[in-house]
Amino acid sequence: MPHLTLILFVSAAIIWIVIRKLVLPGLRSKSASSTASASSKPRRRIIKNRGWVALRGLTIASLKMYFRNKTALFFSLFFPIVFIVVFGSIFKNTSASFKIDVTNESKTVLSTQFRESLGKVSSFKISDVSADKAADDLNKDAADLTVTIPASFGEVQNGKLAESKIVAHFNGAKPQNGAAAAQIVQQIASGFNDSITKTPKVVSVESSGVSTKNLSYIDFLLPGMVGLSIMQLGIFSVAFGFVALKTTGMLRRIQATPIHPASFLAAQGITRLIMAVFQTILLVTIGAALFDFHMGSSSWVPFIILALLGSAVFMAVGFGIAGWAKNEDQAQPVAQLIQFPMMFLSGTFFPRDGFPHALQVVTGYLPLTYLADALRHVANDGASLWAVRGDVLGLVVWGIIAGFISVRLFHWE
């Protein structure tokens, strides 16, 4: 956690330095131009690197305009923060029942009876899974306790039941539910043993806490919310911002100025990329500070790279909408038609595992699905960009398609 906090502060400091490097030179040049105008002998100042100076000035102006746009700030920053706080608070400490994963390796009648005894406990939510699945569920906090019934359970040797030991594991870092469930299982085993024989115990339970990543719902939710906020930043801020400039005639006037149109578009893109990094750092900081969101320091760089890639893809979608729509009344339904299905079908709030198979296949190709899944694997599993190359390739393909469409549809008037 200290390493993650240090990385977050360093990243925020880097962004702040970049912004200051852009803003302060602009202020100094403005002050210098005012002094020159007041001089009795004005001289024409030679500007070096005109393209860079224009790009820097346009980027500064675009950043100021963005922070003054309350609607854009709401959808890109306030809206995702509200969702994270609300859902994180709801699911932070709730546990309505004990989630038990049972792995029955025995084929005897006795093992079946013991499994049925576990199922009769009203507070137990039993799932019959494999050993690998049980370990994975415990690691992801999807199970409070895993119970393994060994293959020797219920076997008869020399006319007597062989001794066997049921193994129960719970999350050692969150022992409350797991330890309580293990005690219940132990009581069931004791009663089961007494009903079989009065001799020394042939059925016993060995329970222990194991070390896991302690993943919780916030670890699933936050990467999805980062992807959602990036999508809204790219689609809504670009589409509505450029449509407004188009309807007021500002885009047409820009063509009559010495500013190259490419510099103007680049400044708009840089602004969105800076905001994508800023909102990613902000959301991760809130998740880590309030709800113990887990992300290793080594995952920070690929996480930011994925955020930038996703921002570029959705900006291309926004440019396509802005180029096609003549006014905001046309842009709004198209933007919502693209955004809302992905919001609810790309696994942003809940896993897609509960969807019908056909719907899982279709939604697996959505750009927000690629982005959310990649961010989740990087944050939760410490995956590298190469490990999520399938999702990265999906985003690149969507970026090429959206870029081609936006180039064909974009008009300045």
Protein backbone atom coordinates (compact mmCIF):
# COMPACT_ATOMS: atom_id res chain seq x y z
CA MET A 1 0.00 0.00 0.00
CA PRO A 2 2.78 2.58 0.75
CA HIS A 3 4.34 1.83 -2.63
CA LEU A 4 1.00 2.32 -4.40
CA THR A 5 0.40 5.61 -2.57
CA LEU A 6 3.87 6.82 -3.56
CA ILE A 7 3.26 5.90 -7.20
CA LEU A 8 -0.09 7.72 -7.18
CA PHE A 9 1.44 10.89 -5.74
CA VAL A 10 4.36 10.77 -8.19
CA SER A 11 1.98 10.31 -11.14
CA ALA A 12 -0.19 13.19 -9.98
CA ALA A 13 2.90 15.34 -9.57
CA ILE A 14 4.05 14.52 -13.10
CA ILE A 15 0.69 15.56 -14.56
CA TRP A 16 0.74 18.77 -12.50
CA ILE A 17 4.26 19.55 -13.73
CA VAL A 18 3.19 18.97 -17.34
CA ILE A 19 0.24 21.32 -16.95
CA ARG A 20 2.40 23.98 -15.31
CA LYS A 21 4.96 23.65 -18.07
CA LEU A 22 2.19 24.34 -20.54
CA VAL A 23 0.50 27.14 -18.61
CA LEU A 24 3.39 29.17 -17.19
CA PRO A 25 5.20 29.75 -20.49
CA GLY A 26 1.90 30.92 -21.95
CA LEU A 27 1.46 33.41 -19.12
CA ARG A 28 5.02 34.67 -19.49
CA SER A 29 4.63 35.14 -23.24
CA LYS A 30 1.38 37.04 -22.62
CA SER A 31 3.14 39.32 -20.13
CA ALA A 32 6.00 39.87 -22.55
CA SER A 33 3.62 40.76 -25.37
CA SER A 34 1.85 43.29 -23.14
CA THR A 35 5.18 44.94 -22.31
CA ALA A 36 6.12 45.07 -25.97
CA SER A 37 2.83 46.70 -26.93
CA ALA A 38 3.37 49.41 -24.34
CA SER A 39 6.77 50.25 -25.79
CA SER A 40 7.07 53.36 -27.96
CA LYS A 41 8.97 51.40 -30.57
CA PRO A 42 7.08 48.14 -31.10
CA ARG A 43 9.09 45.41 -32.73
CA ARG A 44 7.86 42.33 -34.49
CA ARG A 45 8.77 39.34 -32.36
CA ILE A 46 10.21 36.35 -34.16
CA ILE A 47 8.44 33.21 -32.96
CA LYS A 48 10.39 30.02 -33.14
CA ASN A 49 8.61 26.68 -33.44
CA ARG A 50 5.29 28.24 -34.41
CA GLY A 51 3.61 24.85 -34.60
CA TRP A 52 4.55 23.95 -31.04
CA VAL A 53 3.60 27.40 -29.70
CA ALA A 54 0.20 27.18 -31.40
CA LEU A 55 -0.39 23.65 -30.13
CA ARG A 56 0.57 24.64 -26.60
CA GLY A 57 -1.70 27.68 -26.61
CA LEU A 58 -4.62 25.73 -28.03
CA THR A 59 -4.13 22.96 -25.47
CA ILE A 60 -4.12 25.45 -22.61
CA ALA A 61 -7.28 27.07 -23.93
CA SER A 62 -8.93 23.68 -24.41
CA LEU A 63 -8.09 22.61 -20.84
CA LYS A 64 -9.56 25.85 -19.46
CA MET A 65 -12.71 25.39 -21.52
CA TYR A 66 -13.06 21.80 -20.35
CA PHE A 67 -12.81 22.65 -16.65
CA ARG A 68 -15.40 25.38 -17.16
CA ASN A 69 -17.81 22.92 -18.77
CA LYS A 70 -19.91 21.63 -15.85
CA THR A 71 -21.66 18.99 -17.95
CA ALA A 72 -18.40 17.48 -19.14
CA LEU A 73 -16.96 17.46 -15.61
CA PHE A 74 -20.10 15.77 -14.28
CA PHE A 75 -20.04 12.87 -16.74
CA SER A 76 -16.28 12.35 -16.72
CA LEU A 77 -15.48 12.83 -13.01
CA PHE A 78 -18.45 13.28 -10.67
CA PHE A 79 -20.64 10.56 -12.21
CA PRO A 80 -18.05 7.72 -11.88
CA ILE A 81 -17.06 8.86 -8.38
CA VAL A 82 -20.68 8.68 -7.21
CA PHE A 83 -21.05 5.15 -8.58
CA ILE A 84 -17.83 3.96 -6.92
CA VAL A 85 -18.76 5.46 -3.54
CA VAL A 86 -22.33 4.12 -3.64
CA PHE A 87 -21.55 0.58 -4.82
CA GLY A 88 -18.36 0.38 -2.76
CA SER A 89 -20.28 1.35 0.40
CA ILE A 90 -23.06 -1.15 -0.29
CA PHE A 91 -20.81 -4.14 -0.88
CA LYS A 92 -17.93 -3.27 1.44
CA ASN A 93 -18.93 -5.25 4.54
CA THR A 94 -22.05 -7.18 3.59
CA SER A 95 -22.26 -10.93 4.10
CA ALA A 96 -25.78 -12.34 4.15
CA SER A 97 -24.62 -15.97 4.25
CA PHE A 98 -21.59 -18.23 4.25
CA LYS A 99 -20.35 -19.05 0.75
CA ILE A 100 -18.97 -22.58 0.85
CA ASP A 101 -17.16 -24.33 -2.00
CA VAL A 102 -17.21 -28.11 -1.59
CA THR A 103 -14.83 -30.43 -3.44
CA ASN A 104 -15.90 -34.05 -2.98
CA GLU A 105 -13.07 -36.36 -4.07
CA SER A 106 -14.71 -39.46 -2.59
CA LYS A 107 -17.25 -41.66 -4.33
CA THR A 108 -18.59 -43.37 -1.21
CA VAL A 109 -22.11 -43.24 0.20
CA LEU A 110 -20.76 -41.70 3.39
CA SER A 111 -19.26 -38.75 1.54
CA THR A 112 -22.61 -38.11 -0.16
CA GLN A 113 -24.34 -38.14 3.23
CA PHE A 114 -21.80 -35.70 4.66
CA ARG A 115 -22.29 -33.38 1.68
CA GLU A 116 -26.05 -33.52 2.24
CA SER A 117 -25.53 -32.63 5.90
CA LEU A 118 -23.66 -29.49 4.86
CA GLY A 119 -26.49 -28.56 2.52
CA LYS A 120 -29.01 -28.67 5.37
CA VAL A 121 -27.37 -25.70 7.10
CA SER A 122 -29.60 -22.74 6.17
CA SER A 123 -26.78 -20.18 6.37
CA PHE A 124 -24.57 -22.16 3.97
CA LYS A 125 -24.63 -21.35 0.29
CA ILE A 126 -23.04 -24.49 -1.14
CA SER A 127 -21.30 -24.78 -4.51
CA ASP A 128 -19.85 -28.08 -5.74
CA VAL A 129 -16.65 -27.19 -7.55
CA SER A 130 -13.27 -28.58 -8.49
CA ALA A 131 -10.18 -28.02 -6.36
CA ASP A 132 -8.80 -25.40 -8.76
CA LYS A 133 -12.10 -23.53 -8.85
CA ALA A 134 -12.32 -23.58 -5.05
CA ALA A 135 -8.82 -22.09 -4.72
CA ASP A 136 -9.64 -19.43 -7.31
CA ASP A 137 -12.91 -18.49 -5.56
CA LEU A 138 -11.16 -18.18 -2.22
CA ASN A 139 -8.47 -16.03 -3.79
CA LYS A 140 -11.06 -13.71 -5.32
CA ASP A 141 -13.13 -13.54 -2.13
CA ALA A 142 -15.96 -15.40 -3.89
CA ALA A 143 -16.03 -18.04 -1.14
CA ASP A 144 -15.80 -17.76 2.66
CA LEU A 145 -14.70 -21.36 3.10
CA THR A 146 -13.52 -24.24 0.92
CA VAL A 147 -14.19 -27.78 2.11
CA THR A 148 -12.35 -30.74 0.57
CA ILE A 149 -13.66 -34.25 1.22
CA PRO A 150 -10.69 -36.59 0.60
CA ALA A 151 -10.87 -39.70 -1.56
CA SER A 152 -10.36 -41.92 1.51
CA PHE A 153 -13.48 -40.59 3.20
CA GLY A 154 -15.93 -43.45 3.92
CA GLU A 155 -13.63 -46.25 2.75
CA VAL A 156 -13.66 -49.53 4.70
CA GLN A 157 -10.36 -51.17 5.65
CA ASN A 158 -10.25 -54.52 7.48
CA GLY A 159 -13.95 -54.25 8.20
CA LYS A 160 -13.64 -50.78 9.77
CA LEU A 161 -14.01 -47.26 8.47
CA ALA A 162 -10.65 -45.72 7.64
CA GLU A 163 -9.70 -42.50 9.36
CA SER A 164 -9.97 -39.48 7.08
CA LYS A 165 -9.49 -35.77 7.48
CA ILE A 166 -11.69 -33.13 5.87
CA VAL A 167 -9.65 -30.07 4.91
CA ALA A 168 -11.22 -26.62 5.22
CA HIS A 169 -9.52 -23.38 4.17
CA PHE A 170 -10.59 -19.80 4.75
CA ASN A 171 -9.03 -16.44 3.96
CA GLY A 172 -6.54 -15.77 6.74
CA ALA A 173 -6.72 -12.00 6.19
CA LYS A 174 -10.55 -12.05 6.53
CA PRO A 175 -11.15 -14.83 9.04
CA GLN A 176 -14.50 -13.68 10.44
CA ASN A 177 -16.88 -15.54 8.13
CA GLY A 178 -14.47 -18.35 7.23
CA ALA A 179 -13.55 -19.24 10.80
CA ALA A 180 -17.21 -19.22 11.86
CA ALA A 181 -18.15 -21.46 8.94
CA ALA A 182 -15.24 -23.81 9.74
CA GLN A 183 -16.55 -24.21 13.30
CA ILE A 184 -19.97 -25.17 11.97
CA VAL A 185 -18.39 -27.75 9.66
CA GLN A 186 -16.39 -29.10 12.60
CA GLN A 187 -19.55 -29.50 14.67
CA ILE A 188 -21.25 -31.32 11.79
CA ALA A 189 -18.24 -33.66 11.50
CA SER A 190 -18.32 -34.38 15.26
CA GLY A 191 -22.01 -35.19 15.18
CA PHE A 192 -21.49 -37.25 12.05
CA ASN A 193 -18.74 -39.22 13.77
CA ASP A 194 -20.88 -39.90 16.87
CA SER A 195 -23.69 -41.20 14.70
CA ILE A 196 -21.30 -43.69 13.03
CA THR A 197 -19.40 -45.10 15.98
CA LYS A 198 -18.56 -44.50 19.63
CA THR A 199 -14.92 -45.44 19.09
CA PRO A 200 -12.13 -42.85 18.57
CA LYS A 201 -12.93 -40.39 15.85
CA VAL A 202 -12.69 -41.56 12.28
CA VAL A 203 -13.91 -38.23 10.87
CA SER A 204 -12.11 -34.98 11.71
CA VAL A 205 -11.82 -31.50 10.26
CA GLU A 206 -8.58 -29.59 9.73
CA SER A 207 -9.21 -25.92 9.09
CA SER A 208 -6.70 -23.16 8.44
CA GLY A 209 -6.46 -19.68 7.01
CA VAL A 210 -4.65 -19.26 3.73
CA SER A 211 -3.02 -16.20 2.16
CA THR A 212 -4.94 -14.71 -0.80
CA LYS A 213 -5.07 -11.49 -2.79
CA ASN A 214 -8.19 -10.46 -0.79
CA LEU A 215 -10.02 -9.29 -3.90
CA SER A 216 -13.47 -7.83 -3.30
CA TYR A 217 -16.28 -6.29 -5.32
CA ILE A 218 -14.50 -2.94 -5.52
CA ASP A 219 -11.62 -4.70 -7.31
CA PHE A 220 -14.11 -5.77 -9.96
CA LEU A 221 -16.08 -2.51 -10.06
CA LEU A 222 -13.35 0.14 -10.18
CA PRO A 223 -11.59 -0.96 -13.41
CA GLY A 224 -15.00 -1.11 -15.08
CA MET A 225 -15.83 2.38 -13.84
CA VAL A 226 -12.50 3.68 -15.13
CA GLY A 227 -13.36 2.23 -18.54
CA LEU A 228 -16.87 3.73 -18.36
CA SER A 229 -15.57 7.20 -17.48
CA ILE A 230 -13.04 7.00 -20.33
CA MET A 231 -15.84 6.06 -22.74
CA GLN A 232 -18.01 8.98 -21.61
CA LEU A 233 -15.05 11.35 -21.81
CA GLY A 234 -14.31 10.29 -25.37
CA ILE A 235 -17.85 10.12 -26.72
CA PHE A 236 -19.82 12.82 -24.91
CA SER A 237 -17.17 15.51 -24.49
CA VAL A 238 -15.94 15.21 -28.09
CA ALA A 239 -19.32 14.75 -29.76
CA PHE A 240 -21.21 17.48 -27.93
CA GLY A 241 -18.23 19.83 -27.75
CA PHE A 242 -17.55 19.75 -31.49
CA VAL A 243 -21.23 19.87 -32.45
CA ALA A 244 -21.57 23.03 -30.35
CA LEU A 245 -18.53 24.55 -32.07
CA LYS A 246 -19.97 23.56 -35.43
CA THR A 247 -23.44 25.03 -34.85
CA THR A 248 -22.01 28.34 -33.58
CA GLY A 249 -19.73 28.61 -36.61
CA MET A 250 -16.51 28.56 -34.58
CA LEU A 251 -15.05 25.66 -36.55
CA ARG A 252 -15.58 27.56 -39.79
CA ARG A 253 -13.90 30.66 -38.34
CA ILE A 254 -10.88 28.62 -37.24
CA GLN A 255 -10.21 27.76 -40.87
CA ALA A 256 -9.90 31.48 -41.60
CA THR A 257 -7.16 31.95 -38.99
CA PRO A 258 -3.43 31.22 -39.38
CA ILE A 259 -3.88 28.24 -37.05
CA HIS A 260 -3.57 24.95 -38.85
CA PRO A 261 -6.70 22.78 -38.36
CA ALA A 262 -4.50 19.83 -37.42
CA SER A 263 -3.11 21.80 -34.46
CA PHE A 264 -6.63 22.52 -33.25
CA LEU A 265 -7.68 18.86 -33.47
CA ALA A 266 -4.43 17.71 -31.83
CA ALA A 267 -4.98 20.13 -28.93
CA GLN A 268 -8.46 18.72 -28.39
CA GLY A 269 -7.09 15.20 -28.42
CA ILE A 270 -4.26 16.02 -25.99
CA THR A 271 -6.76 17.61 -23.64
CA ARG A 272 -8.84 14.43 -23.52
CA LEU A 273 -5.75 12.27 -23.01
CA ILE A 274 -4.63 14.44 -20.08
CA MET A 275 -8.11 14.22 -18.58
CA ALA A 276 -8.12 10.45 -19.07
CA VAL A 277 -4.91 10.12 -17.05
CA PHE A 278 -6.19 12.58 -14.43
CA GLN A 279 -9.52 10.83 -13.90
CA THR A 280 -7.84 7.41 -13.82
CA ILE A 281 -5.48 8.52 -11.05
CA LEU A 282 -8.36 10.16 -9.18
CA LEU A 283 -10.64 7.10 -9.32
CA VAL A 284 -7.87 4.67 -8.33
CA THR A 285 -6.85 6.94 -5.44
CA ILE A 286 -10.43 7.08 -4.13
CA GLY A 287 -10.83 3.32 -4.48
CA ALA A 288 -7.55 2.60 -2.68
CA ALA A 289 -8.14 5.13 0.10
CA LEU A 290 -11.78 4.37 0.88
CA PHE A 291 -12.37 0.76 -0.18
CA ASP A 292 -8.93 -0.94 -0.21
CA PHE A 293 -8.71 -1.31 -3.97
CA HIS A 294 -5.78 -3.60 -4.80
CA MET A 295 -3.28 -2.72 -7.51
CA GLY A 296 0.44 -3.34 -7.38
CA SER A 297 2.92 -0.61 -8.24
CA SER A 298 4.13 -2.61 -11.25
CA SER A 299 0.62 -2.53 -12.72
CA TRP A 300 0.41 1.24 -12.79
CA VAL A 301 2.19 1.86 -16.11
CA PRO A 302 0.21 -0.69 -18.18
CA PHE A 303 -2.98 0.54 -16.49
CA ILE A 304 -2.32 4.11 -17.66
CA ILE A 305 -1.33 2.92 -21.15
CA LEU A 306 -4.62 1.03 -21.47
CA ALA A 307 -6.50 4.13 -20.29
CA LEU A 308 -4.80 6.22 -22.99
CA LEU A 309 -5.51 3.59 -25.66
CA GLY A 310 -9.16 3.36 -24.66
CA SER A 311 -9.44 7.15 -24.64
CA ALA A 312 -8.08 7.31 -28.19
CA VAL A 313 -10.60 4.70 -29.37
CA PHE A 314 -13.62 6.43 -27.88
CA MET A 315 -12.41 9.84 -29.03
CA ALA A 316 -12.48 8.48 -32.58
CA VAL A 317 -16.09 7.40 -31.98
CA GLY A 318 -16.89 10.88 -30.66
CA PHE A 319 -15.33 12.56 -33.71
CA GLY A 320 -17.41 10.31 -35.95
CA ILE A 321 -20.63 11.38 -34.20
CA ALA A 322 -19.59 15.05 -34.24
CA GLY A 323 -18.80 14.86 -37.95
CA TRP A 324 -22.14 13.32 -38.85
CA ALA A 325 -24.49 15.29 -36.56
CA LYS A 326 -25.55 18.78 -37.59
CA ASN A 327 -26.76 19.76 -34.12
CA GLU A 328 -26.99 18.45 -30.56
CA ASP A 329 -30.47 17.03 -31.13
CA GLN A 330 -28.97 14.60 -33.65
CA ALA A 331 -25.83 13.86 -31.62
CA GLN A 332 -27.56 13.01 -28.34
CA PRO A 333 -29.60 9.94 -29.39
CA VAL A 334 -26.71 8.49 -31.40
CA ALA A 335 -24.28 8.93 -28.50
CA GLN A 336 -26.73 7.34 -26.07
CA LEU A 337 -27.45 4.50 -28.49
CA ILE A 338 -23.74 3.67 -28.55
CA GLN A 339 -22.99 4.30 -24.90
CA PHE A 340 -25.88 2.77 -22.94
CA PRO A 341 -25.69 -0.81 -24.29
CA MET A 342 -21.98 -0.94 -23.48
CA MET A 343 -22.57 0.51 -20.01
CA PHE A 344 -24.79 -2.42 -19.01
CA LEU A 345 -23.54 -5.25 -21.28
CA SER A 346 -19.75 -4.88 -21.04
CA GLY A 347 -19.36 -6.14 -17.48
CA THR A 348 -18.97 -2.69 -15.95
CA PHE A 349 -21.04 -3.26 -12.82
CA PHE A 350 -21.53 -7.04 -12.79
CA PRO A 351 -19.79 -10.00 -14.46
CA ARG A 352 -21.04 -11.14 -17.86
CA ASP A 353 -21.00 -14.78 -16.73
CA GLY A 354 -24.72 -14.64 -15.96
CA PHE A 355 -25.63 -13.63 -19.52
CA PRO A 356 -26.96 -16.20 -22.00
CA HIS A 357 -24.14 -17.76 -24.00
CA ALA A 358 -25.08 -15.98 -27.24
CA LEU A 359 -25.13 -12.61 -25.47
CA GLN A 360 -21.75 -13.32 -23.86
CA VAL A 361 -20.25 -13.95 -27.29
CA VAL A 362 -21.71 -10.77 -28.80
CA THR A 363 -20.83 -8.48 -25.88
CA GLY A 364 -17.31 -9.92 -25.80
CA TYR A 365 -16.52 -7.93 -28.96
CA LEU A 366 -17.60 -4.52 -27.59
CA PRO A 367 -14.77 -1.99 -27.16
CA LEU A 368 -15.69 -1.26 -23.54
CA THR A 369 -15.56 -5.02 -22.80
CA TYR A 370 -12.00 -5.17 -24.15
CA LEU A 371 -10.99 -2.13 -22.09
CA ALA A 372 -12.69 -3.18 -18.83
CA ASP A 373 -11.38 -6.75 -19.01
CA ALA A 374 -7.83 -5.60 -19.73
CA LEU A 375 -7.86 -3.04 -16.90
CA ARG A 376 -9.25 -5.69 -14.55
CA HIS A 377 -6.58 -8.26 -15.40
CA VAL A 378 -3.79 -5.69 -15.03
CA ALA A 379 -5.06 -4.39 -11.69
CA ASN A 380 -6.22 -7.66 -10.09
CA ASP A 381 -3.77 -10.19 -11.52
CA GLY A 382 -0.74 -7.99 -12.19
CA ALA A 383 -0.93 -8.93 -15.88
CA SER A 384 1.37 -7.27 -18.41
CA LEU A 385 0.25 -5.71 -21.68
CA TRP A 386 1.46 -8.82 -23.47
CA ALA A 387 -0.73 -10.99 -21.24
CA VAL A 388 -3.81 -8.97 -22.29
CA ARG A 389 -2.71 -8.70 -25.93
CA GLY A 390 -6.06 -10.05 -27.10
CA ASP A 391 -7.91 -7.14 -25.48
CA VAL A 392 -5.28 -4.68 -26.72
CA LEU A 393 -5.66 -6.01 -30.26
CA GLY A 394 -9.43 -5.66 -29.98
CA LEU A 395 -9.06 -2.01 -28.94
CA VAL A 396 -6.62 -1.34 -31.78
CA VAL A 397 -9.02 -2.84 -34.33
CA TRP A 398 -11.90 -0.76 -32.96
CA GLY A 399 -9.67 2.32 -33.05
CA ILE A 400 -8.86 1.74 -36.74
CA ILE A 401 -12.53 1.21 -37.61
CA ALA A 402 -13.71 4.24 -35.63
CA GLY A 403 -10.86 6.39 -37.00
CA PHE A 404 -11.71 5.49 -40.59
CA ILE A 405 -15.40 6.29 -40.04
CA SER A 406 -14.64 9.59 -38.30
CA VAL A 407 -12.34 10.70 -41.12
CA ARG A 408 -15.04 9.96 -43.68
CA LEU A 409 -17.82 11.65 -41.70
CA PHE A 410 -16.07 14.64 -40.13
CA HIS A 411 -16.97 18.05 -41.56
CA TRP A 412 -16.11 21.52 -40.34
CA GLU A 413 -19.55 22.91 -41.09
